[in-house]
Amino acid sequence: MDLVSAELPTVRRREIMSAVAHYIAGVLDRESMMEIVESLCGAAELKPGDRVKTLRGITHGVILRVLDDGRLVWKADASGSELIALPESLILDRSP
């Protein structure tokens, strides 16, 4: 799996390997593992107003703006804090 995802950023590759390892260990079902891998492999164009979450899904929020260097300014739901992140460290939040 690491070879297949070689062109992805290191952070995303690490999360993909973790999801596959959890599936192999039997603590993650196949459907959940596939959803995680597909979301991390997708190259989503994130834009202001998009709902996002961190790769581990712990923090959720909304993108406020894109900086000139490509980094994203987003607002976390729980704390209301404005955070700055690289696009590869966030994924679209498709939860209801």
PDB file of N, CA and C in Angstrom:
ATOM      1  N   MET A   1       0.826  -1.186   0.000  1.00  0.00           N
ATOM      2  CA  MET A   1       0.000   0.000   0.000  1.00  0.00           C
ATOM      3  C   MET A   1       0.871   1.251   0.000  1.00  0.00           C
ATOM      4  N   ASP A   2       2.013   1.182   0.668  1.00  0.00           N
ATOM      5  CA  ASP A   2       2.902   2.338   0.712  1.00  0.00           C
ATOM      6  C   ASP A   2       3.415   2.677  -0.686  1.00  0.00           C
ATOM      7  N   LEU A   3       3.685   1.668  -1.483  1.00  0.00           N
ATOM      8  CA  LEU A   3       4.162   1.893  -2.841  1.00  0.00           C
ATOM      9  C   LEU A   3       3.073   2.533  -3.697  1.00  0.00           C
ATOM     10  N   VAL A   4       1.851   2.074  -3.549  1.00  0.00           N
ATOM     11  CA  VAL A   4       0.727   2.607  -4.329  1.00  0.00           C
ATOM     12  C   VAL A   4       0.484   4.082  -4.001  1.00  0.00           C
ATOM     13  N   SER A   5       0.683   4.469  -2.754  1.00  0.00           N
ATOM     14  CA  SER A   5       0.421   5.847  -2.333  1.00  0.00           C
ATOM     15  C   SER A   5       1.680   6.697  -2.268  1.00  0.00           C
ATOM     16  N   ALA A   6       2.721   6.295  -2.969  1.00  0.00           N
ATOM     17  CA  ALA A   6       4.026   6.962  -2.876  1.00  0.00           C
ATOM     18  C   ALA A   6       3.995   8.434  -3.262  1.00  0.00           C
ATOM     19  N   GLU A   7       3.110   8.830  -4.175  1.00  0.00           N
ATOM     20  CA  GLU A   7       3.098  10.225  -4.614  1.00  0.00           C
ATOM     21  C   GLU A   7       2.298  11.141  -3.677  1.00  0.00           C
ATOM     22  N   LEU A   8       1.645  10.568  -2.694  1.00  0.00           N
ATOM     23  CA  LEU A   8       0.879  11.365  -1.731  1.00  0.00           C
ATOM     24  C   LEU A   8       1.807  11.960  -0.667  1.00  0.00           C
ATOM     25  N   PRO A   9       1.365  13.059  -0.038  1.00  0.00           N
ATOM     26  CA  PRO A   9       2.158  13.624   1.055  1.00  0.00           C
ATOM     27  C   PRO A   9       2.339  12.597   2.176  1.00  0.00           C
ATOM     28  N   THR A  10       3.444  12.691   2.880  1.00  0.00           N
ATOM     29  CA  THR A  10       3.793  11.735   3.928  1.00  0.00           C
ATOM     30  C   THR A  10       2.696  11.576   4.968  1.00  0.00           C
ATOM     31  N   VAL A  11       2.068  12.673   5.356  1.00  0.00           N
ATOM     32  CA  VAL A  11       1.019  12.619   6.378  1.00  0.00           C
ATOM     33  C   VAL A  11      -0.141  11.739   5.911  1.00  0.00           C
ATOM     34  N   ARG A  12      -0.550  11.896   4.672  1.00  0.00           N
ATOM     35  CA  ARG A  12      -1.658  11.087   4.142  1.00  0.00           C
ATOM     36  C   ARG A  12      -1.246   9.625   3.978  1.00  0.00           C
ATOM     37  N   ARG A  13      -0.016   9.387   3.523  1.00  0.00           N
ATOM     38  CA  ARG A  13       0.460   8.006   3.385  1.00  0.00           C
ATOM     39  C   ARG A  13       0.455   7.292   4.730  1.00  0.00           C
ATOM     40  N   ARG A  14       0.881   7.992   5.770  1.00  0.00           N
ATOM     41  CA  ARG A  14       0.920   7.408   7.109  1.00  0.00           C
ATOM     42  C   ARG A  14      -0.487   7.030   7.573  1.00  0.00           C
ATOM     43  N   GLU A  15      -1.464   7.890   7.310  1.00  0.00           N
ATOM     44  CA  GLU A  15      -2.842   7.614   7.714  1.00  0.00           C
ATOM     45  C   GLU A  15      -3.430   6.438   6.920  1.00  0.00           C
ATOM     46  N   ILE A  16      -3.085   6.340   5.639  1.00  0.00           N
ATOM     47  CA  ILE A  16      -3.549   5.209   4.820  1.00  0.00           C
ATOM     48  C   ILE A  16      -2.969   3.913   5.365  1.00  0.00           C
ATOM     49  N   MET A  17      -1.685   3.900   5.662  1.00  0.00           N
ATOM     50  CA  MET A  17      -1.052   2.700   6.200  1.00  0.00           C
ATOM     51  C   MET A  17      -1.671   2.313   7.542  1.00  0.00           C
ATOM     52  N   SER A  18      -2.006   3.291   8.350  1.00  0.00           N
ATOM     53  CA  SER A  18      -2.638   3.023   9.641  1.00  0.00           C
ATOM     54  C   SER A  18      -4.012   2.386   9.450  1.00  0.00           C
ATOM     55  N   ALA A  19      -4.798   2.917   8.509  1.00  0.00           N
ATOM     56  CA  ALA A  19      -6.132   2.364   8.252  1.00  0.00           C
ATOM     57  C   ALA A  19      -6.037   0.916   7.759  1.00  0.00           C
ATOM     58  N   VAL A  20      -5.107   0.653   6.850  1.00  0.00           N
ATOM     59  CA  VAL A  20      -4.932  -0.711   6.324  1.00  0.00           C
ATOM     60  C   VAL A  20      -4.473  -1.643   7.445  1.00  0.00           C
ATOM     61  N   ALA A  21      -3.550  -1.195   8.271  1.00  0.00           N
ATOM     62  CA  ALA A  21      -3.067  -2.022   9.383  1.00  0.00           C
ATOM     63  C   ALA A  21      -4.191  -2.328  10.373  1.00  0.00           C
ATOM     64  N   HIS A  22      -5.046  -1.355  10.652  1.00  0.00           N
ATOM     65  CA  HIS A  22      -6.179  -1.595  11.551  1.00  0.00           C
ATOM     66  C   HIS A  22      -7.167  -2.585  10.939  1.00  0.00           C
ATOM     67  N   TYR A  23      -7.347  -2.526   9.618  1.00  0.00           N
ATOM     68  CA  TYR A  23      -8.210  -3.499   8.943  1.00  0.00           C
ATOM     69  C   TYR A  23      -7.610  -4.905   9.057  1.00  0.00           C
ATOM     70  N   ILE A  24      -6.312  -5.025   8.798  1.00  0.00           N
ATOM     71  CA  ILE A  24      -5.646  -6.326   8.879  1.00  0.00           C
ATOM     72  C   ILE A  24      -5.711  -6.881  10.302  1.00  0.00           C
ATOM     73  N   ALA A  25      -5.580  -6.004  11.293  1.00  0.00           N
ATOM     74  CA  ALA A  25      -5.633  -6.436  12.699  1.00  0.00           C
ATOM     75  C   ALA A  25      -7.046  -6.786  13.146  1.00  0.00           C
ATOM     76  N   GLY A  26      -8.036  -6.438  12.327  1.00  0.00           N
ATOM     77  CA  GLY A  26      -9.410  -6.788  12.653  1.00  0.00           C
ATOM     78  C   GLY A  26     -10.154  -5.774  13.510  1.00  0.00           C
ATOM     79  N   VAL A  27      -9.573  -4.595  13.705  1.00  0.00           N
ATOM     80  CA  VAL A  27     -10.247  -3.586  14.520  1.00  0.00           C
ATOM     81  C   VAL A  27     -10.999  -2.558  13.678  1.00  0.00           C
ATOM     82  N   LEU A  28     -10.923  -2.679  12.360  1.00  0.00           N
ATOM     83  CA  LEU A  28     -11.616  -1.776  11.441  1.00  0.00           C
ATOM     84  C   LEU A  28     -12.258  -2.616  10.351  1.00  0.00           C
ATOM     85  N   ASP A  29     -13.536  -2.363  10.077  1.00  0.00           N
ATOM     86  CA  ASP A  29     -14.202  -3.140   9.031  1.00  0.00           C
ATOM     87  C   ASP A  29     -13.759  -2.656   7.650  1.00  0.00           C
ATOM     88  N   ARG A  30     -13.980  -3.497   6.640  1.00  0.00           N
ATOM     89  CA  ARG A  30     -13.505  -3.215   5.281  1.00  0.00           C
ATOM     90  C   ARG A  30     -14.105  -1.932   4.725  1.00  0.00           C
ATOM     91  N   GLU A  31     -15.381  -1.719   4.935  1.00  0.00           N
ATOM     92  CA  GLU A  31     -16.057  -0.541   4.402  1.00  0.00           C
ATOM     93  C   GLU A  31     -15.458   0.751   4.967  1.00  0.00           C
ATOM     94  N   SER A  32     -15.227   0.771   6.265  1.00  0.00           N
ATOM     95  CA  SER A  32     -14.630   1.949   6.895  1.00  0.00           C
ATOM     96  C   SER A  32     -13.210   2.183   6.393  1.00  0.00           C
ATOM     97  N   MET A  33     -12.453   1.102   6.257  1.00  0.00           N
ATOM     98  CA  MET A  33     -11.087   1.215   5.763  1.00  0.00           C
ATOM     99  C   MET A  33     -11.082   1.783   4.342  1.00  0.00           C
ATOM    100  N   MET A  34     -11.967   1.289   3.489  1.00  0.00           N
ATOM    101  CA  MET A  34     -12.042   1.773   2.107  1.00  0.00           C
ATOM    102  C   MET A  34     -12.441   3.246   2.053  1.00  0.00           C
ATOM    103  N   GLU A  35     -13.354   3.647   2.906  1.00  0.00           N
ATOM    104  CA  GLU A  35     -13.784   5.045   2.953  1.00  0.00           C
ATOM    105  C   GLU A  35     -12.616   5.956   3.339  1.00  0.00           C
ATOM    106  N   ILE A  36     -11.850   5.528   4.325  1.00  0.00           N
ATOM    107  CA  ILE A  36     -10.691   6.306   4.766  1.00  0.00           C
ATOM    108  C   ILE A  36      -9.660   6.415   3.646  1.00  0.00           C
ATOM    109  N   VAL A  37      -9.341   5.292   3.013  1.00  0.00           N
ATOM    110  CA  VAL A  37      -8.334   5.288   1.943  1.00  0.00           C
ATOM    111  C   VAL A  37      -8.790   6.162   0.778  1.00  0.00           C
ATOM    112  N   GLU A  38     -10.040   6.041   0.378  1.00  0.00           N
ATOM    113  CA  GLU A  38     -10.540   6.836  -0.744  1.00  0.00           C
ATOM    114  C   GLU A  38     -10.529   8.324  -0.434  1.00  0.00           C
ATOM    115  N   SER A  39     -10.904   8.695   0.781  1.00  0.00           N
ATOM    116  CA  SER A  39     -10.923  10.118   1.124  1.00  0.00           C
ATOM    117  C   SER A  39      -9.509  10.696   1.167  1.00  0.00           C
ATOM    118  N   LEU A  40      -8.535   9.902   1.581  1.00  0.00           N
ATOM    119  CA  LEU A  40      -7.156  10.382   1.655  1.00  0.00           C
ATOM    120  C   LEU A  40      -6.467  10.396   0.294  1.00  0.00           C
ATOM    121  N   CYS A  41      -6.905   9.554  -0.619  1.00  0.00           N
ATOM    122  CA  CYS A  41      -6.309   9.517  -1.956  1.00  0.00           C
ATOM    123  C   CYS A  41      -6.886  10.593  -2.859  1.00  0.00           C
ATOM    124  N   GLY A  42      -8.090  11.030  -2.554  1.00  0.00           N
ATOM    125  CA  GLY A  42      -8.737  12.046  -3.377  1.00  0.00           C
ATOM    126  C   GLY A  42      -8.049  13.393  -3.241  1.00  0.00           C
ATOM    127  N   ALA A  43      -7.863  14.055  -4.348  1.00  0.00           N
ATOM    128  CA  ALA A  43      -7.246  15.376  -4.338  1.00  0.00           C
ATOM    129  C   ALA A  43      -8.355  16.419  -4.401  1.00  0.00           C
ATOM    130  N   ALA A  44      -8.975  16.675  -3.274  1.00  0.00           N
ATOM    131  CA  ALA A  44     -10.074  17.626  -3.225  1.00  0.00           C
ATOM    132  C   ALA A  44      -9.557  19.049  -3.302  1.00  0.00           C
ATOM    133  N   GLU A  45     -10.240  19.872  -4.049  1.00  0.00           N
ATOM    134  CA  GLU A  45      -9.931  21.298  -4.104  1.00  0.00           C
ATOM    135  C   GLU A  45     -10.734  21.958  -3.003  1.00  0.00           C
ATOM    136  N   LEU A  46     -10.080  22.270  -1.907  1.00  0.00           N
ATOM    137  CA  LEU A  46     -10.758  22.875  -0.773  1.00  0.00           C
ATOM    138  C   LEU A  46     -10.889  24.375  -0.999  1.00  0.00           C
ATOM    139  N   LYS A  47     -12.065  24.908  -0.670  1.00  0.00           N
ATOM    140  CA  LYS A  47     -12.332  26.330  -0.879  1.00  0.00           C
ATOM    141  C   LYS A  47     -13.105  26.897   0.299  1.00  0.00           C
ATOM    142  N   PRO A  48     -13.137  28.214   0.441  1.00  0.00           N
ATOM    143  CA  PRO A  48     -13.877  28.818   1.547  1.00  0.00           C
ATOM    144  C   PRO A  48     -15.325  28.332   1.597  1.00  0.00           C
ATOM    145  N   GLY A  49     -15.778  28.035   2.812  1.00  0.00           N
ATOM    146  CA  GLY A  49     -17.133  27.531   3.016  1.00  0.00           C
ATOM    147  C   GLY A  49     -17.218  26.019   3.121  1.00  0.00           C
ATOM    148  N   ASP A  50     -16.176  25.299   2.671  1.00  0.00           N
ATOM    149  CA  ASP A  50     -16.172  23.831   2.749  1.00  0.00           C
ATOM    150  C   ASP A  50     -16.041  23.389   4.202  1.00  0.00           C
ATOM    151  N   ARG A  51     -16.800  22.359   4.577  1.00  0.00           N
ATOM    152  CA  ARG A  51     -16.663  21.722   5.882  1.00  0.00           C
ATOM    153  C   ARG A  51     -15.489  20.754   5.783  1.00  0.00           C
ATOM    154  N   VAL A  52     -14.580  20.818   6.751  1.00  0.00           N
ATOM    155  CA  VAL A  52     -13.395  19.962   6.763  1.00  0.00           C
ATOM    156  C   VAL A  52     -13.202  19.340   8.132  1.00  0.00           C
ATOM    157  N   LYS A  53     -12.326  18.335   8.154  1.00  0.00           N
ATOM    158  CA  LYS A  53     -11.895  17.740   9.419  1.00  0.00           C
ATOM    159  C   LYS A  53     -10.433  17.365   9.276  1.00  0.00           C
ATOM    160  N   THR A  54      -9.777  17.195  10.407  1.00  0.00           N
ATOM    161  CA  THR A  54      -8.383  16.769  10.391  1.00  0.00           C
ATOM    162  C   THR A  54      -8.320  15.327   9.902  1.00  0.00           C
ATOM    163  N   LEU A  55      -7.138  14.871   9.539  1.00  0.00           N
ATOM    164  CA  LEU A  55      -7.000  13.513   9.004  1.00  0.00           C
ATOM    165  C   LEU A  55      -7.504  12.451   9.978  1.00  0.00           C
ATOM    166  N   ARG A  56      -7.303  12.652  11.247  1.00  0.00           N
ATOM    167  CA  ARG A  56      -7.778  11.698  12.252  1.00  0.00           C
ATOM    168  C   ARG A  56      -9.248  11.905  12.589  1.00  0.00           C
ATOM    169  N   GLY A  57      -9.852  12.977  12.085  1.00  0.00           N
ATOM    170  CA  GLY A  57     -11.274  13.224  12.306  1.00  0.00           C
ATOM    171  C   GLY A  57     -11.601  13.765  13.685  1.00  0.00           C
ATOM    172  N   ILE A  58     -10.608  14.250  14.387  1.00  0.00           N
ATOM    173  CA  ILE A  58     -10.830  14.726  15.753  1.00  0.00           C
ATOM    174  C   ILE A  58     -11.417  16.132  15.763  1.00  0.00           C
ATOM    175  N   THR A  59     -10.910  17.012  14.908  1.00  0.00           N
ATOM    176  CA  THR A  59     -11.359  18.396  14.877  1.00  0.00           C
ATOM    177  C   THR A  59     -12.078  18.679  13.571  1.00  0.00           C
ATOM    178  N   HIS A  60     -13.239  19.308  13.689  1.00  0.00           N
ATOM    179  CA  HIS A  60     -14.054  19.654  12.528  1.00  0.00           C
ATOM    180  C   HIS A  60     -14.176  21.168  12.453  1.00  0.00           C
ATOM    181  N   GLY A  61     -14.417  21.684  11.254  1.00  0.00           N
ATOM    182  CA  GLY A  61     -14.596  23.123  11.119  1.00  0.00           C
ATOM    183  C   GLY A  61     -14.932  23.508   9.695  1.00  0.00           C
ATOM    184  N   VAL A  62     -14.774  24.791   9.403  1.00  0.00           N
ATOM    185  CA  VAL A  62     -15.091  25.327   8.083  1.00  0.00           C
ATOM    186  C   VAL A  62     -13.934  26.202   7.591  1.00  0.00           C
ATOM    187  N   ILE A  63     -13.650  26.112   6.299  1.00  0.00           N
ATOM    188  CA  ILE A  63     -12.580  26.916   5.715  1.00  0.00           C
ATOM    189  C   ILE A  63     -13.062  28.354   5.563  1.00  0.00           C
ATOM    190  N   LEU A  64     -12.238  29.297   6.026  1.00  0.00           N
ATOM    191  CA  LEU A  64     -12.570  30.714   5.931  1.00  0.00           C
ATOM    192  C   LEU A  64     -11.960  31.362   4.690  1.00  0.00           C
ATOM    193  N   ARG A  65     -10.677  31.048   4.437  1.00  0.00           N
ATOM    194  CA  ARG A  65     -10.016  31.627   3.267  1.00  0.00           C
ATOM    195  C   ARG A  65      -8.761  30.826   2.923  1.00  0.00           C
ATOM    196  N   VAL A  66      -8.287  31.046   1.703  1.00  0.00           N
ATOM    197  CA  VAL A  66      -7.053  30.420   1.224  1.00  0.00           C
ATOM    198  C   VAL A  66      -5.999  31.517   1.134  1.00  0.00           C
ATOM    199  N   LEU A  67      -4.864  31.300   1.778  1.00  0.00           N
ATOM    200  CA  LEU A  67      -3.771  32.260   1.751  1.00  0.00           C
ATOM    201  C   LEU A  67      -3.017  32.191   0.417  1.00  0.00           C
ATOM    202  N   ASP A  68      -2.249  33.223   0.107  1.00  0.00           N
ATOM    203  CA  ASP A  68      -1.504  33.286  -1.159  1.00  0.00           C
ATOM    204  C   ASP A  68      -0.567  32.103  -1.354  1.00  0.00           C
ATOM    205  N   ASP A  69      -0.023  31.572  -0.262  1.00  0.00           N
ATOM    206  CA  ASP A  69       0.919  30.447  -0.371  1.00  0.00           C
ATOM    207  C   ASP A  69       0.208  29.087  -0.414  1.00  0.00           C
ATOM    208  N   GLY A  70      -1.142  29.087  -0.438  1.00  0.00           N
ATOM    209  CA  GLY A  70      -1.899  27.841  -0.549  1.00  0.00           C
ATOM    210  C   GLY A  70      -2.389  27.268   0.765  1.00  0.00           C
ATOM    211  N   ARG A  71      -1.888  27.791   1.890  1.00  0.00           N
ATOM    212  CA  ARG A  71      -2.363  27.304   3.175  1.00  0.00           C
ATOM    213  C   ARG A  71      -3.799  27.746   3.402  1.00  0.00           C
ATOM    214  N   LEU A  72      -4.498  27.016   4.270  1.00  0.00           N
ATOM    215  CA  LEU A  72      -5.905  27.278   4.532  1.00  0.00           C
ATOM    216  C   LEU A  72      -6.103  27.853   5.925  1.00  0.00           C
ATOM    217  N   VAL A  73      -6.929  28.879   6.021  1.00  0.00           N
ATOM    218  CA  VAL A  73      -7.340  29.409   7.313  1.00  0.00           C
ATOM    219  C   VAL A  73      -8.724  28.826   7.556  1.00  0.00           C
ATOM    220  N   TRP A  74      -8.872  28.120   8.678  1.00  0.00           N
ATOM    221  CA  TRP A  74     -10.157  27.498   8.975  1.00  0.00           C
ATOM    222  C   TRP A  74     -10.520  27.700  10.426  1.00  0.00           C
ATOM    223  N   LYS A  75     -11.816  27.620  10.700  1.00  0.00           N
ATOM    224  CA  LYS A  75     -12.321  27.858  12.047  1.00  0.00           C
ATOM    225  C   LYS A  75     -12.821  26.545  12.629  1.00  0.00           C
ATOM    226  N   ALA A  76     -12.258  26.166  13.764  1.00  0.00           N
ATOM    227  CA  ALA A  76     -12.651  24.926  14.440  1.00  0.00           C
ATOM    228  C   ALA A  76     -14.013  25.108  15.105  1.00  0.00           C
ATOM    229  N   ASP A  77     -14.874  24.090  14.977  1.00  0.00           N
ATOM    230  CA  ASP A  77     -16.215  24.151  15.567  1.00  0.00           C
ATOM    231  C   ASP A  77     -16.174  24.260  17.084  1.00  0.00           C
ATOM    232  N   ALA A  78     -15.419  23.391  17.719  1.00  0.00           N
ATOM    233  CA  ALA A  78     -15.446  23.283  19.185  1.00  0.00           C
ATOM    234  C   ALA A  78     -14.930  24.534  19.881  1.00  0.00           C
ATOM    235  N   SER A  79     -13.812  25.060  19.414  1.00  0.00           N
ATOM    236  CA  SER A  79     -13.198  26.187  20.122  1.00  0.00           C
ATOM    237  C   SER A  79     -13.479  27.535  19.478  1.00  0.00           C
ATOM    238  N   GLY A  80     -13.841  27.525  18.214  1.00  0.00           N
ATOM    239  CA  GLY A  80     -14.048  28.773  17.505  1.00  0.00           C
ATOM    240  C   GLY A  80     -12.744  29.445  17.101  1.00  0.00           C
ATOM    241  N   SER A  81     -11.636  28.778  17.343  1.00  0.00           N
ATOM    242  CA  SER A  81     -10.317  29.326  17.011  1.00  0.00           C
ATOM    243  C   SER A  81     -10.069  29.273  15.511  1.00  0.00           C
ATOM    244  N   GLU A  82      -9.360  30.264  15.009  1.00  0.00           N
ATOM    245  CA  GLU A  82      -8.920  30.232  13.621  1.00  0.00           C
ATOM    246  C   GLU A  82      -7.573  29.515  13.567  1.00  0.00           C
ATOM    247  N   LEU A  83      -7.481  28.547  12.691  1.00  0.00           N
ATOM    248  CA  LEU A  83      -6.278  27.737  12.549  1.00  0.00           C
ATOM    249  C   LEU A  83      -5.751  27.849  11.127  1.00  0.00           C
ATOM    250  N   ILE A  84      -4.470  27.597  10.938  1.00  0.00           N
ATOM    251  CA  ILE A  84      -3.860  27.579   9.610  1.00  0.00           C
ATOM    252  C   ILE A  84      -3.323  26.179   9.366  1.00  0.00           C
ATOM    253  N   ALA A  85      -3.641  25.633   8.191  1.00  0.00           N
ATOM    254  CA  ALA A  85      -3.219  24.264   7.882  1.00  0.00           C
ATOM    255  C   ALA A  85      -2.835  24.138   6.415  1.00  0.00           C
ATOM    256  N   LEU A  86      -1.990  23.157   6.144  1.00  0.00           N
ATOM    257  CA  LEU A  86      -1.697  22.800   4.762  1.00  0.00           C
ATOM    258  C   LEU A  86      -2.893  22.023   4.211  1.00  0.00           C
ATOM    259  N   PRO A  87      -3.203  22.165   2.935  1.00  0.00           N
ATOM    260  CA  PRO A  87      -4.355  21.449   2.370  1.00  0.00           C
ATOM    261  C   PRO A  87      -4.286  19.942   2.556  1.00  0.00           C
ATOM    262  N   GLU A  88      -3.079  19.371   2.533  1.00  0.00           N
ATOM    263  CA  GLU A  88      -2.965  17.917   2.667  1.00  0.00           C
ATOM    264  C   GLU A  88      -3.240  17.414   4.078  1.00  0.00           C
ATOM    265  N   SER A  89      -3.376  18.317   5.042  1.00  0.00           N
ATOM    266  CA  SER A  89      -3.651  17.886   6.410  1.00  0.00           C
ATOM    267  C   SER A  89      -5.144  17.922   6.759  1.00  0.00           C
ATOM    268  N   LEU A  90      -5.981  18.285   5.775  1.00  0.00           N
ATOM    269  CA  LEU A  90      -7.430  18.333   5.992  1.00  0.00           C
ATOM    270  C   LEU A  90      -8.133  17.541   4.895  1.00  0.00           C
ATOM    271  N   ILE A  91      -9.314  17.028   5.233  1.00  0.00           N
ATOM    272  CA  ILE A  91     -10.148  16.357   4.241  1.00  0.00           C
ATOM    273  C   ILE A  91     -11.566  16.898   4.361  1.00  0.00           C
ATOM    274  N   LEU A  92     -12.325  16.771   3.278  1.00  0.00           N
ATOM    275  CA  LEU A  92     -13.713  17.204   3.312  1.00  0.00           C
ATOM    276  C   LEU A  92     -14.482  16.424   4.367  1.00  0.00           C
ATOM    277  N   ASP A  93     -15.332  17.107   5.076  1.00  0.00           N
ATOM    278  CA  ASP A  93     -16.159  16.475   6.104  1.00  0.00           C
ATOM    279  C   ASP A  93     -17.520  16.191   5.489  1.00  0.00           C
ATOM    280  N   ARG A  94     -17.794  14.932   5.225  1.00  0.00           N
ATOM    281  CA  ARG A  94     -19.045  14.541   4.568  1.00  0.00           C
ATOM    282  C   ARG A  94     -20.086  14.057   5.567  1.00  0.00           C
ATOM    283  N   SER A  95     -19.796  14.199   6.860  1.00  0.00           N
ATOM    284  CA  SER A  95     -20.765  13.764   7.861  1.00  0.00           C
ATOM    285  C   SER A  95     -21.926  14.759   7.910  1.00  0.00           C
ATOM    286  N   PRO A  96     -23.126  14.260   8.262  1.00  0.00           N
ATOM    287  CA  PRO A  96     -24.309  15.139   8.278  1.00  0.00           C
ATOM    288  C   PRO A  96     -24.256  16.208   9.326  1.00  0.00           C
TER     289      PRO A  96
END
